[in-house]
Protein backbone atom coordinates (compact mmCIF):
# COMPACT_ATOMS: atom_id res chain seq x y z
CA MET A 1 80.18 165.55 102.16
CA ASP A 2 82.50 166.69 99.39
CA ASN A 3 85.00 164.03 98.24
CA LYS A 4 87.56 166.50 96.89
CA LYS A 5 91.02 166.20 98.39
CA ARG A 6 92.17 169.06 100.55
CA PRO A 7 95.79 170.18 100.41
CA THR A 8 97.96 168.77 103.14
CA ASP A 9 99.90 170.91 105.55
CA LYS A 10 103.07 170.08 103.60
CA SER A 11 101.67 171.44 100.32
CA GLN A 12 100.40 174.54 102.09
CA SER A 13 103.78 175.20 103.67
CA SER A 14 105.57 174.88 100.34
CA ALA A 15 103.02 177.23 98.80
CA ASN A 16 103.64 179.69 101.61
CA GLU A 17 107.41 179.45 101.13
CA HIS A 18 106.92 180.17 97.44
CA CYS A 19 104.82 183.24 98.24
CA HIS A 20 107.58 184.65 100.45
CA SER A 21 110.44 184.20 98.00
CA THR A 22 112.40 187.32 97.14
CA GLU A 23 111.91 186.94 93.42
CA PRO A 24 108.51 186.43 91.83
CA GLU A 25 108.15 183.55 89.44
CA GLN A 26 106.61 184.35 86.10
CA PHE A 27 105.80 181.96 83.32
CA GLU A 28 106.63 183.30 79.89
CA LEU A 29 104.31 182.78 76.95
CA LEU A 30 106.97 183.89 74.51
CA PRO A 31 110.68 183.18 74.59
CA PRO A 32 112.75 186.01 76.06
CA PRO A 33 114.33 188.41 73.56
CA ASP A 34 117.93 187.89 72.57
CA PHE A 35 120.43 189.28 75.05
CA ARG A 36 121.93 192.24 73.21
CA PRO A 37 122.48 195.08 75.67
CA SER A 38 124.39 198.22 74.83
CA TRP A 39 127.41 199.17 76.90
CA PRO A 40 127.41 202.50 78.72
CA ALA A 41 130.00 205.11 77.79
CA SER A 42 133.34 204.34 79.41
CA HIS A 43 134.53 206.34 82.41
CA THR A 44 130.97 207.04 83.56
CA LEU A 45 129.33 206.07 86.83
CA SER A 46 126.92 203.84 84.88
CA ALA A 47 129.92 201.99 83.45
CA GLU A 48 131.43 201.64 86.93
CA ALA A 49 128.14 200.28 88.30
CA LEU A 50 127.95 197.78 85.42
CA ASP A 51 131.55 196.66 85.96
CA ARG A 52 130.86 196.03 89.62
CA LEU A 53 127.62 194.17 88.84
CA LEU A 54 129.46 192.04 86.26
CA ASN A 55 131.95 191.11 89.00
CA GLY A 56 129.04 189.66 90.96
CA GLU A 57 128.73 192.49 93.44
CA ARG A 58 125.34 193.34 94.91
CA LEU A 59 125.17 197.12 95.00
CA THR A 60 123.39 199.46 97.37
CA GLN A 61 123.75 203.23 97.51
CA PRO A 62 126.04 203.04 100.58
CA SER A 63 128.25 200.37 98.98
CA PHE A 64 128.43 202.32 95.72
CA GLY A 65 129.42 205.52 97.48
CA THR A 66 127.30 208.09 99.20
CA SER A 67 129.26 211.05 97.78
CA ARG A 68 127.84 210.24 94.34
CA TRP A 69 124.46 210.96 92.87
CA ARG A 70 121.71 208.33 93.14
CA LEU A 71 122.65 204.78 92.16
CA ALA A 72 119.04 204.23 91.05
CA ALA A 73 119.61 206.65 88.17
CA TYR A 74 122.61 204.67 86.90
CA ILE A 75 120.67 201.41 87.21
CA LYS A 76 117.78 202.92 85.26
CA GLU A 77 120.22 203.90 82.51
CA LEU A 78 121.56 200.33 82.42
CA LYS A 79 118.01 199.00 82.11
CA TYR A 80 117.36 201.40 79.21
CA LEU A 81 120.50 199.95 77.58
CA GLY A 82 119.03 196.45 77.88
CA TRP A 83 120.67 195.16 81.07
CA PRO A 84 118.22 193.04 83.12
CA VAL A 85 119.30 194.33 86.52
CA LYS A 86 117.44 192.73 89.43
CA ALA A 87 116.44 194.71 92.51
CA ALA A 88 115.07 193.97 95.96
CA PRO A 89 114.59 195.98 99.14
CA VAL A 90 117.06 195.22 101.96
CA HIS A 91 117.42 196.53 105.46
CA HIS A 92 120.51 198.60 106.15
CA PRO A 93 121.85 199.42 109.62
CA GLY A 94 120.93 202.88 110.78
CA ARG A 95 118.06 203.27 108.32
CA GLU A 96 114.43 202.95 109.22
CA ARG A 97 113.21 202.06 105.73
CA PRO A 98 114.68 199.42 103.42
CA ILE A 99 116.96 200.48 100.58
CA ALA A 100 117.34 198.94 97.13
CA GLN A 101 119.96 196.33 96.37
CA TYR A 102 120.85 195.67 92.71
CA TRP A 103 122.52 192.69 91.02
CA LEU A 104 122.83 190.68 87.82
CA THR A 105 122.07 186.97 87.76
CA GLY A 106 124.90 184.51 87.11
CA ASP A 107 123.61 183.56 83.66
CA ILE A 108 123.53 187.22 82.59
CA ILE A 109 127.07 187.74 83.88
CA MET A 110 128.27 184.75 81.84
CA LYS A 111 126.44 185.97 78.71
CA ALA A 112 127.93 189.45 79.14
CA ARG A 113 131.43 188.04 79.50
CA SER A 114 131.00 186.07 76.29
CA LEU A 115 129.73 189.21 74.54
CA ARG A 116 132.69 191.24 75.80
CA GLY A 117 135.07 188.51 74.65
CA ALA A 118 133.47 188.47 71.18
CA ALA A 119 133.73 192.24 70.82
């Protein structure tokens, strides 16, 4: 008989909980690059989306406004400018398929506020 220890139910359940988290965990081999995003042009929908994200809002297309073009395009522009916008699928009433929800983490919001204050 093999004398190796088998994982207990407790360790398996915590492993399962980890697998079902909404954000994947990734170990970095290199330190992350410095946070130096560019700001979108003022009075654009990308700038409005960023302002709302910096206020801690989690945006979806319906919450951003359905009379506007796709929110995903503005988020992509923000990512090109260096903003680490997070995204996850969420269920929305009246829709069969999940839609994307976008947000900035609290540490990024704080860093952005310090950058804006320094500018």
